[in-house]
Protein backbone atom coordinates (compact mmCIF):
# COMPACT_ATOMS: atom_id res chain seq x y z
CA MET A 1 0.00 0.00 0.00
CA ASP A 2 1.33 3.46 -0.91
CA PRO A 3 1.85 5.31 2.41
CA ARG A 4 1.26 8.63 0.68
CA SER A 5 -2.29 7.64 -0.28
CA THR A 6 -3.42 6.30 3.08
CA ALA A 7 -5.79 8.38 5.18
CA GLN A 8 -3.83 7.75 8.36
CA ASP A 9 -0.46 8.96 6.94
CA VAL A 10 1.02 12.35 7.95
CA HIS A 11 1.68 15.10 5.44
CA ARG A 12 4.82 14.51 3.35
CA CYS A 13 7.15 16.80 1.46
CA ASP A 14 5.98 17.41 -2.12
CA LEU A 15 9.59 17.48 -3.43
CA CYS A 16 11.26 14.39 -1.91
CA GLU A 17 7.89 12.70 -1.19
CA THR A 18 9.33 10.85 1.82
CA ALA A 19 10.22 13.27 4.64
CA ILE A 20 7.58 14.68 6.97
CA VAL A 21 6.49 18.19 6.04
CA HIS A 22 7.93 21.08 8.06
CA SER A 23 7.25 24.22 6.04
CA TYR A 24 4.97 25.53 3.33
CA CYS A 25 5.49 27.91 0.40
CA ASP A 26 2.55 30.28 0.33
CA PHE A 27 3.45 31.43 -3.19
CA CYS A 28 3.93 28.01 -4.80
CA HIS A 29 1.49 26.11 -2.54
CA VAL A 30 3.83 23.14 -1.92
CA ASN A 31 4.69 21.19 1.25
CA LEU A 32 8.40 21.23 2.17
CA CYS A 33 10.68 19.39 4.60
CA LYS A 34 13.68 21.17 6.14
CA PRO A 35 16.28 19.91 3.64
CA CYS A 36 14.11 20.74 0.63
CA VAL A 37 13.49 24.38 1.67
CA VAL A 38 16.99 25.35 0.52
CA ASP A 39 16.53 23.73 -2.86
CA HIS A 40 13.11 25.34 -3.29
CA ILE A 41 14.33 28.93 -2.76
CA SER A 42 17.53 28.47 -4.75
CA ASP A 43 16.09 30.46 -7.67
CA GLY A 44 15.57 33.52 -5.47
CA TYR A 45 14.19 34.05 -2.01
CA GLN A 46 11.98 36.95 -3.11
CA LYS A 47 10.02 34.60 -5.35
CA HIS A 48 8.85 32.51 -2.39
CA ALA A 49 7.15 32.86 1.01
CA ILE A 50 8.25 30.12 3.36
CA VAL A 51 6.10 29.77 6.51
CA PRO A 52 5.63 27.03 9.12
CA PHE A 53 3.26 24.35 7.86
CA MET A 54 0.63 25.15 10.52
CA GLU A 55 0.57 28.78 9.28
CA ARG A 56 0.15 27.88 5.63
CA ARG A 57 -1.91 30.12 3.35
CA SER A 58 -1.49 33.04 5.75
CA THR A 59 0.74 35.14 3.50
CA LEU A 60 -1.11 37.59 1.31
CA VAL A 61 -0.41 37.08 -2.38
CA TYR A 62 -0.49 40.50 -4.02
CA PRO A 63 -1.23 40.83 -7.73
CA LYS A 64 1.65 41.84 -9.99
CA CYS A 65 1.54 45.29 -11.55
CA GLU A 66 0.85 45.17 -15.27
CA THR A 67 2.86 48.35 -15.84
CA HIS A 68 5.73 47.48 -13.49
CA PRO A 69 5.90 43.65 -13.47
CA HIS A 70 8.69 43.59 -10.88
CA LYS A 71 6.43 45.21 -8.28
CA ASN A 72 3.40 44.05 -6.29
CA CYS A 73 0.14 46.02 -6.28
CA GLU A 74 -0.48 46.96 -2.66
CA LEU A 75 -2.99 49.74 -3.43
CA GLN A 76 -6.22 50.34 -5.33
CA CYS A 77 -7.06 53.55 -7.18
CA GLU A 78 -10.54 54.70 -6.19
CA ASP A 79 -10.71 57.13 -9.12
CA CYS A 80 -9.96 54.42 -11.71
CA ASN A 81 -12.59 51.82 -10.85
CA ASN A 82 -10.47 50.43 -8.01
CA ILE A 83 -7.80 48.99 -10.29
CA PHE A 84 -4.69 47.53 -8.60
CA VAL A 85 -1.64 49.84 -8.64
CA CYS A 86 1.89 49.67 -7.25
CA SER A 87 3.89 52.41 -5.55
CA SER A 88 5.41 53.47 -8.88
CA CYS A 89 1.94 53.87 -10.42
CA THR A 90 0.88 56.28 -7.68
CA ALA A 91 3.66 58.67 -8.68
CA SER A 92 2.79 58.56 -12.38
CA LYS A 93 0.93 61.28 -14.27
CA GLN A 94 -1.92 58.84 -14.95
CA HIS A 95 -2.82 58.70 -11.25
CA LYS A 96 -1.79 62.20 -10.21
CA GLY A 97 -4.14 63.56 -7.52
CA HIS A 98 -6.07 60.29 -7.24
CA ASN A 99 -7.24 58.68 -4.03
CA PHE A 100 -5.77 55.32 -3.06
CA VAL A 101 -6.74 52.66 -0.56
CA GLU A 102 -4.58 49.87 0.78
CA VAL A 103 -5.40 46.44 -0.63
CA THR A 104 -5.16 44.93 2.86
CA GLU A 105 -8.05 47.14 4.06
CA VAL A 106 -10.26 45.97 1.18
CA TYR A 107 -9.08 42.40 1.71
CA ASN A 108 -9.89 42.43 5.43
CA ALA A 109 -13.28 44.07 4.81
CA LYS A 110 -14.16 41.42 2.21
CA LYS A 111 -13.04 38.69 4.60
CA GLU A 112 -15.56 40.00 7.12
CA VAL A 113 -18.23 39.94 4.40
CA LEU A 114 -17.24 36.35 3.62
CA LYS A 115 -17.58 35.38 7.27
CA LYS A 116 -21.03 36.99 7.47
CA ASP A 117 -22.12 35.33 4.22
CA ILE A 118 -20.91 31.94 5.44
CA LYS A 119 -22.83 32.45 8.68
CA GLU A 120 -25.95 33.56 6.83
CA LEU A 121 -25.73 30.66 4.39
CA GLU A 122 -25.12 28.07 7.11
CA ASN A 123 -27.59 29.39 9.67
CA HIS A 124 -30.46 30.70 7.55
CA ILE A 125 -30.42 30.28 3.79
CA SER A 126 -29.24 26.65 3.60
CA PRO A 127 -31.66 25.49 6.36
CA THR A 128 -34.48 27.27 4.53
CA TYR A 129 -33.72 25.44 1.30
CA GLU A 130 -33.39 22.19 3.24
CA LYS A 131 -36.82 22.80 4.74
CA ILE A 132 -38.30 23.53 1.30
CA THR A 133 -36.63 20.40 -0.10
CA LEU A 134 -38.00 18.29 2.75
CA GLU A 135 -41.51 19.68 2.27
CA LEU A 136 -41.37 18.99 -1.48
CA GLU A 137 -40.07 15.47 -0.91
CA GLN A 138 -42.84 14.83 1.61
CA THR A 139 -45.40 16.22 -0.82
CA LEU A 140 -44.08 13.95 -3.56
CA ALA A 141 -44.07 10.98 -1.20
CA ASN A 142 -47.71 11.65 -0.28
CA LEU A 143 -48.78 12.32 -3.87
CA ASP A 144 -50.00 8.78 -4.55
CA VAL A 145 -51.91 8.74 -1.26
CA GLY A 146 -53.66 11.97 -2.14
CA TYR A 147 -54.70 10.75 -5.57
CA GLU A 148 -55.77 7.39 -4.17
CA LYS A 149 -58.11 9.27 -1.83
CA ILE A 150 -59.58 11.12 -4.80
CA THR A 151 -60.15 7.94 -6.81
CA ALA A 152 -61.55 6.20 -3.72
CA THR A 153 -64.01 9.08 -3.32
CA MET A 154 -64.97 8.68 -6.98
CA SER A 155 -65.51 4.95 -6.51
CA LYS A 156 -67.62 5.63 -3.43
CA GLN A 157 -69.66 8.11 -5.42
CA GLY A 158 -70.05 5.50 -8.17
CA GLU A 159 -71.28 2.91 -5.67
CA GLU A 160 -73.74 5.45 -4.30
CA TRP A 161 -74.96 6.15 -7.82
CA HIS A 162 -75.39 2.41 -8.49
CA ARG A 163 -77.40 2.07 -5.28
CA GLU A 164 -79.59 5.02 -6.21
CA ILE A 165 -80.08 3.69 -9.75
CA ASP A 166 -81.08 0.29 -8.35
CA ILE A 167 -83.53 2.02 -6.03
CA VAL A 168 -85.03 3.95 -8.97
CA ILE A 169 -85.29 0.77 -11.10
CA ASN A 170 -86.94 -1.21 -8.29
CA LYS A 171 -89.36 1.65 -7.64
CA MET A 172 -90.33 1.74 -11.32
CA LYS A 173 -90.74 -2.06 -11.36
CA THR A 174 -93.04 -1.78 -8.35
CA GLU A 175 -95.08 0.87 -10.17
CA ILE A 176 -95.32 -1.41 -13.22
CA SER A 177 -96.51 -4.29 -10.99
CA GLU A 178 -99.20 -2.07 -9.46
CA ILE A 179 -100.31 -0.92 -12.93
CA LYS A 180 -100.50 -4.57 -14.08
CA VAL A 181 -102.80 -5.41 -11.15
CA GLN A 182 -105.07 -2.51 -12.11
CA HIS A 183 -104.99 -3.61 -15.73
CA ARG A 184 -105.93 -7.16 -14.76
CA GLU A 185 -108.81 -5.97 -12.54
CA ILE A 186 -110.28 -3.83 -15.32
CA LEU A 187 -110.17 -6.66 -17.87
CA GLN A 188 -111.50 -9.22 -15.38
CA LYS A 189 -114.44 -7.00 -14.49
CA HIS A 190 -115.31 -6.53 -18.14
CA LEU A 191 -114.98 -10.26 -18.77
CA ASN A 192 -117.35 -11.03 -15.87
CA GLU A 193 -119.93 -8.60 -17.25
CA ILE A 194 -119.75 -10.18 -20.71
CA LYS A 195 -120.06 -13.72 -19.30
CA GLN A 196 -123.08 -12.68 -17.24
CA ILE A 197 -124.87 -11.38 -20.35
CA GLN A 198 -123.77 -14.48 -22.23
CA SER A 199 -125.40 -16.67 -19.55
CA VAL A 200 -128.68 -14.76 -19.80
CA ILE A 201 -128.64 -15.18 -23.59
CA LYS A 202 -128.17 -18.96 -23.25
CA GLN A 203 -131.07 -19.21 -20.79
CA SER A 204 -133.30 -17.17 -23.13
CA LEU A 205 -132.33 -19.34 -26.09
CA LEU A 206 -133.30 -22.51 -24.19
CA ALA A 207 -136.66 -21.01 -23.20
CA ILE A 208 -137.42 -19.90 -26.78
CA ARG A 209 -136.70 -23.37 -28.12
CA GLU A 210 -139.05 -24.93 -25.58
CA ILE A 211 -141.83 -22.50 -26.63
CA GLU A 212 -141.09 -23.19 -30.29
CA LYS A 213 -141.57 -26.96 -29.77
CA SER A 214 -144.67 -26.46 -27.65
CA ALA A 215 -148.23 -26.41 -29.08
CA GLU A 216 -149.52 -24.42 -26.19
CA ILE A 217 -151.01 -21.09 -27.10
CA SER A 218 -150.38 -19.14 -23.90
CA PRO A 219 -146.57 -19.34 -23.76
CA THR A 220 -146.37 -18.49 -27.44
CA THR A 221 -148.67 -15.52 -27.24
CA GLU A 222 -147.02 -14.24 -24.06
CA TYR A 223 -143.52 -14.42 -25.55
CA SER A 224 -141.76 -11.03 -25.67
CA SER A 225 -138.70 -10.75 -27.89
CA ARG A 226 -135.43 -9.57 -26.27
CA ILE A 227 -133.44 -9.41 -29.50
CA SER A 228 -133.22 -5.62 -29.38
CA GLU A 229 -131.91 -5.84 -25.83
CA PHE A 230 -129.33 -8.51 -26.66
CA SER A 231 -128.34 -6.69 -29.85
CA LYS A 232 -126.98 -3.80 -27.84
CA ILE A 233 -123.41 -5.11 -27.52
CA PRO A 234 -121.73 -3.53 -24.50
CA PRO A 235 -118.77 -1.26 -25.29
CA THR A 236 -115.43 -2.98 -25.56
CA VAL A 237 -112.96 -1.90 -22.93
CA GLN A 238 -109.62 -1.08 -24.53
CA VAL A 239 -106.80 -0.99 -21.98
CA SER A 240 -103.40 -0.32 -23.49
CA LEU A 241 -100.19 -1.46 -21.87
CA PRO A 242 -98.11 1.23 -20.20
CA THR A 243 -94.90 2.14 -21.96
CA PHE A 244 -91.45 2.84 -20.58
CA ILE A 245 -89.78 5.67 -22.46
CA PRO A 246 -86.07 5.58 -21.73
CA LYS A 247 -84.43 8.95 -21.83
CA PRO A 248 -81.23 9.21 -23.86
CA VAL A 249 -78.09 9.08 -21.77
CA ASN A 250 -76.36 12.45 -21.91
CA ARG A 251 -72.79 11.59 -21.02
CA GLU A 252 -71.72 15.22 -20.57
CA LYS A 253 -74.63 15.91 -18.23
CA LEU A 254 -73.89 12.73 -16.29
CA TYR A 255 -70.26 13.85 -16.01
CA SER A 256 -71.28 17.20 -14.55
CA LEU A 257 -73.87 15.63 -12.22
CA PHE A 258 -71.49 12.95 -10.98
CA GLY A 259 -69.05 15.48 -9.57
CA GLN A 260 -66.48 18.08 -10.37
CA ILE A 261 -62.72 17.78 -10.70
CA THR A 262 -61.05 21.04 -9.88
CA PRO A 263 -58.23 21.86 -12.32
CA LEU A 264 -54.62 21.46 -11.26
CA SER A 265 -53.76 24.77 -9.65
CA THR A 266 -50.13 25.69 -10.26
CA ALA A 267 -48.98 29.04 -8.99
CA THR A 268 -45.55 30.49 -8.35
CA GLU A 269 -45.61 32.57 -5.22
CA ASP A 270 -42.83 34.97 -4.39
CA ASN A 271 -41.06 34.04 -1.18
CA ILE A 272 -40.15 36.92 1.07
CA SER A 273 -36.40 37.57 1.05
CA LEU A 274 -34.76 36.28 4.23
CA LEU A 275 -32.87 39.58 4.42
CA ASN A 276 -36.17 41.47 4.63
CA GLN A 277 -37.88 39.28 7.17
CA PRO A 278 -39.41 41.39 9.94
CA ASN A 279 -37.82 40.95 13.33
CA ASN A 280 -40.80 41.88 15.46
CA SER A 281 -40.77 40.69 19.02
CA VAL A 282 -43.72 39.46 21.03
CA ARG A 283 -43.19 42.42 23.31
CA LYS A 284 -44.01 44.79 20.48
CA LEU A 285 -47.30 42.98 19.88
CA LEU A 286 -48.21 43.44 23.52
CA ASP A 287 -47.57 47.20 23.62
CA GLU A 288 -50.59 49.29 24.55
CA PRO A 289 -52.28 50.94 21.53
CA GLU A 290 -51.91 54.67 21.13
CA LEU A 291 -54.89 56.83 20.14
CA VAL A 292 -53.74 58.91 17.17
CA THR A 293 -56.98 60.57 16.09
CA THR A 294 -60.77 60.18 16.11
CA ILE A 295 -62.65 60.45 12.81
CA GLN A 296 -66.35 61.22 12.56
CA THR A 297 -67.20 59.40 9.32
CA GLY A 298 -70.78 60.56 8.97
CA HIS A 299 -71.96 57.04 8.07
CA LYS A 300 -75.26 55.98 9.60
CA GLN A 301 -73.74 52.50 9.86
CA LEU A 302 -69.98 52.01 9.57
CA TYR A 303 -69.09 48.67 7.92
CA SER A 304 -65.42 48.69 6.87
CA VAL A 305 -62.20 50.60 7.54
CA THR A 306 -58.92 50.14 5.66
CA CYS A 307 -55.70 52.02 4.98
CA LEU A 308 -52.35 51.63 3.21
CA ASN A 309 -50.45 53.85 5.64
CA GLU A 310 -51.11 56.21 8.51
CA GLY A 311 -51.90 59.12 6.19
CA ILE A 312 -54.93 57.86 4.22
CA ILE A 313 -57.96 56.07 5.72
CA TRP A 314 -60.90 54.66 3.72
CA THR A 315 -64.30 53.88 5.25
CA SER A 316 -67.55 52.43 3.89
CA GLY A 317 -71.06 52.18 5.25
CA ARG A 318 -74.65 53.32 4.95
CA PRO A 319 -75.83 55.20 3.08
CA ASN A 320 -74.09 54.03 -0.10
CA GLU A 321 -70.78 55.87 0.39
CA ILE A 322 -67.06 55.14 0.47
CA LYS A 323 -65.11 57.98 2.08
CA CYS A 324 -61.44 58.88 2.19
CA PHE A 325 -59.95 60.80 5.15
CA ASN A 326 -56.49 61.98 6.09
CA SER A 327 -55.00 61.52 9.55
CA LYS A 328 -56.36 64.94 10.57
CA SER A 329 -59.97 63.76 10.00
CA SER A 330 -60.39 65.87 6.86
CA LEU A 331 -62.67 64.37 4.20
CA LEU A 332 -60.69 64.08 0.95
CA GLN A 333 -63.01 62.11 -1.33
CA THR A 334 -66.44 60.46 -1.48
CA ILE A 335 -67.25 57.60 -3.86
CA ARG A 336 -70.57 55.93 -4.60
CA THR A 337 -70.80 52.41 -6.04
CA LYS A 338 -72.11 51.69 -9.53
CA SER A 339 -74.94 49.51 -8.23
CA GLY A 340 -76.16 52.09 -5.77
CA TYR A 341 -75.76 49.67 -2.85
CA CYS A 342 -73.23 49.65 -0.05
CA PRO A 343 -70.10 47.59 -0.91
CA PHE A 344 -69.58 44.26 0.85
CA ASP A 345 -65.98 45.18 1.75
CA ILE A 346 -63.14 47.54 0.84
CA ALA A 347 -59.34 47.25 0.63
CA VAL A 348 -56.35 49.22 -0.65
CA ASP A 349 -53.87 47.59 -3.04
CA SER A 350 -50.09 47.96 -2.91
CA ASP A 351 -50.25 50.93 -5.29
CA GLY A 352 -52.64 52.78 -3.00
CA TYR A 353 -55.75 52.29 -5.19
CA LEU A 354 -59.11 51.52 -3.61
CA LEU A 355 -60.74 48.13 -4.17
CA TYR A 356 -64.33 47.27 -3.26
CA SER A 357 -66.61 44.24 -3.74
CA GLU A 358 -70.24 44.47 -4.89
CA TRP A 359 -72.59 41.59 -4.16
CA LEU A 360 -75.31 42.77 -6.56
CA THR A 361 -73.07 42.88 -9.67
CA GLY A 362 -70.71 40.08 -8.60
CA THR A 363 -67.67 42.27 -9.23
CA VAL A 364 -64.54 43.57 -7.53
CA ASN A 365 -63.92 47.13 -8.65
CA SER A 366 -60.80 49.30 -8.66
CA VAL A 367 -60.87 53.07 -8.27
CA GLN A 368 -57.92 54.84 -9.90
CA ASN A 369 -57.69 58.60 -10.27
CA GLY A 370 -61.41 58.95 -9.66
CA GLN A 371 -62.35 56.38 -12.33
CA THR A 372 -64.04 53.10 -11.34
CA GLU A 373 -63.23 49.97 -13.35
CA GLU A 374 -64.33 46.36 -12.98
CA LEU A 375 -61.22 44.42 -11.98
CA ILE A 376 -62.86 40.99 -11.49
CA THR A 377 -66.25 39.75 -12.73
CA LEU A 378 -67.64 36.51 -11.27
CA GLN A 379 -70.21 34.10 -12.71
CA GLY A 380 -72.28 32.10 -10.21
CA TRP A 381 -70.33 33.50 -7.25
CA VAL A 382 -70.66 36.59 -5.08
CA PRO A 383 -67.49 38.34 -3.79
CA SER A 384 -67.50 39.32 -0.13
CA ASN A 385 -64.47 40.16 2.03
CA LEU A 386 -61.12 41.33 0.65
CA CYS A 387 -57.47 41.36 1.74
CA VAL A 388 -54.30 42.58 -0.03
CA THR A 389 -51.28 40.40 0.81
CA SER A 390 -47.68 41.43 1.51
CA THR A 391 -46.75 40.42 -2.06
CA GLY A 392 -49.52 42.55 -3.59
CA ASP A 393 -51.93 39.71 -4.39
CA LEU A 394 -55.64 40.03 -3.66
CA LEU A 395 -57.45 37.47 -1.49
CA ALA A 396 -61.24 37.39 -1.83
CA THR A 397 -63.78 35.29 0.03
CA MET A 398 -66.92 34.46 -1.94
CA PHE A 399 -70.06 32.32 -1.81
CA SER A 400 -72.09 30.63 -4.52
CA VAL A 401 -75.31 32.21 -5.74
CA GLY A 402 -77.30 29.40 -4.11
CA PHE A 403 -75.53 29.96 -0.74
CA ILE A 404 -74.30 26.33 -0.83
CA GLN A 405 -70.53 26.77 -1.19
CA SER A 406 -67.83 29.20 -0.08
CA LYS A 407 -64.20 29.58 -1.10
CA VAL A 408 -61.16 31.84 -1.09
CA VAL A 409 -59.52 32.90 -4.36
CA ARG A 410 -56.08 34.49 -4.77
CA TYR A 411 -55.71 36.96 -7.63
CA SER A 412 -52.74 38.68 -9.22
CA GLY A 413 -54.38 41.69 -10.77
CA SER A 414 -57.44 40.24 -12.46
CA SER A 415 -55.87 36.79 -13.02
CA GLU A 416 -56.88 33.92 -10.76
CA LYS A 417 -53.83 32.21 -9.20
CA ARG A 418 -55.30 29.75 -6.72
CA THR A 419 -58.68 28.56 -5.40
CA ILE A 420 -58.91 27.40 -1.78
CA GLN A 421 -62.10 25.48 -1.03
CA PHE A 422 -61.48 21.93 0.24
CA ASP A 423 -59.12 20.20 2.67
CA ASP A 424 -56.99 17.13 1.88
CA GLU A 425 -60.00 14.87 2.51
CA GLY A 426 -62.20 16.79 0.08
CA LYS A 427 -64.28 18.39 2.84
CA PRO A 428 -65.26 22.08 2.59
CA LEU A 429 -62.94 24.41 4.51
CA TYR A 430 -65.61 27.10 4.94
CA SER A 431 -69.32 27.15 5.70
CA GLY A 432 -71.56 27.42 2.63
CA ASN A 433 -73.53 30.58 3.30
CA SER A 434 -73.43 34.34 2.83
CA ASN A 435 -72.31 35.07 6.39
CA THR A 436 -69.33 37.37 6.92
CA LYS A 437 -65.92 35.74 6.41
CA TYR A 438 -63.26 38.28 7.36
CA ILE A 439 -59.92 37.43 5.76
CA THR A 440 -56.34 38.50 6.44
CA GLU A 441 -52.74 37.32 6.04
CA ASN A 442 -50.53 36.76 9.08
CA ARG A 443 -46.76 37.22 9.40
CA ASN A 444 -46.12 33.66 8.26
CA HIS A 445 -48.13 34.46 5.11
CA ASP A 446 -50.87 32.06 6.21
CA ILE A 447 -54.43 32.88 5.15
CA CYS A 448 -56.75 33.39 8.13
CA VAL A 449 -60.54 33.45 7.75
CA ALA A 450 -62.96 34.27 10.56
CA ASP A 451 -65.93 32.11 9.49
CA TYR A 452 -68.91 33.45 11.41
CA GLY A 453 -71.30 30.85 9.96
CA ALA A 454 -69.09 27.96 11.12
CA GLY A 455 -68.16 29.56 14.45
CA ALA A 456 -64.49 28.99 13.62
CA VAL A 457 -61.22 30.64 12.65
CA VAL A 458 -59.76 28.69 9.72
CA VAL A 459 -56.04 29.02 8.90
CA VAL A 460 -54.42 27.60 5.75
CA ASN A 461 -50.91 28.07 4.40
CA ARG A 462 -50.12 29.96 1.20
CA GLY A 463 -50.72 26.79 -0.80
CA GLY A 464 -54.21 26.38 0.64
CA ARG A 465 -53.46 23.42 2.92
CA LEU A 466 -55.30 23.45 6.25
CA ARG A 467 -53.02 24.25 9.18
CA TRP A 468 -55.57 24.42 11.96
CA ARG A 469 -59.15 25.32 12.81
CA TYR A 470 -60.06 27.08 16.08
CA THR A 471 -63.62 26.76 17.34
CA GLY A 472 -63.15 28.13 20.85
CA HIS A 473 -62.04 26.83 24.22
CA PRO A 474 -63.16 23.24 24.92
CA SER A 475 -65.03 24.42 28.00
CA VAL A 476 -67.31 26.67 25.93
CA THR A 477 -70.73 25.09 25.55
CA LYS A 478 -72.50 24.69 22.24
CA LYS A 479 -74.99 27.30 23.36
CA ASN A 480 -72.21 29.87 23.66
CA HIS A 481 -70.19 28.86 20.61
CA LEU A 482 -67.44 31.00 19.09
CA ASN A 483 -68.66 33.92 16.97
CA PRO A 484 -65.56 35.26 15.16
CA LEU A 485 -66.16 38.70 13.71
CA VAL A 486 -62.66 40.07 13.14
């Protein structure tokens, strides 16, 4: 075994390859033993930097001057894009009157930056990427399970449909059996009536024949013909069989009635830079609020208040008015909705423009420079509460026209990015009604909805996955259930 290639062997001299290393040349980056040092510097001591092996790579290697190759550049010229210069360059006409900085100062400052970057990479950035990688790997690992749940739900729905179809078929068969009994009774009754008349006719025929054979005068003269009576044939009862008219199978309609597959929602969401993460302490959250000003809005009923900063405050309420105030309580602007009704909610986007939702028109409108434009128009859904996220996206809660379903939709401008409606088990996240569902984004960028109709606060992550649902303290009775309003 080569001793130089074994992991347990000590460092050896790079020249003789046998002796134990003693020194190191910081310029040539070679290991040297004591005897080989002399040979290594034989071409000129100035060309080398011999240091003890334990202090290797400690000697600064200055760049050579391009104008004066025999000199090292120990300075940088700040007036010439920080190019490296030597002492001779500083005295030249080219750099006359320029400002210079020692290379060692720049070197040491950059070393500090390197240390900070290493610390930031090791302590924050790398762990963040590791966390993201782990989450993605877990998501991929659970992918089959998630889709198996979906297909199992479909199969369950199919079984339910088969049961219902069997119930419908059996019910129709029962109806057919009942109709057959009625049909039989009608025909049997008619048959009995005909047979009864037929019996009378036979008895009459026998009597007539007896009279015909007889020579007695009385029976013959007393005979009264019943031909006219028997000639009146009773009406024939026509009972037609019922018919089963199968309706054509509309595959597209069956597909829509069977269920709905939501499209694959793929959205790229901007992650907040780790350098810009807020460093707010719990103590700051617990500070007592400070009363800045009191604004008399003039609304008969105040519904919503929102602001982008401390300078501009928007309010909405009855009558149909949206008002803008400054921090000194001065009214700056009054807006009335297109529909003539009070907006469901208001918000201010990242550009400072007003947004408001209208239940009557099913729209979210934007007010820019006094002009109102429809930003989002919904079909079959009614927009309710609004929230502008830290990345500038719009979150909107909404309910279906039939008050059966509710969901949250994330928009970028007027483009839909993500729909949040069901949990991993396919169950609705929010109560299906028109009750207020206040929505906001917390510091972790989770989406929080105060669902008044469900008596719960529902929190999902940015991807729409349920994190937790709070319905109040366990000791609270059903009679006094949670009523989240903000």
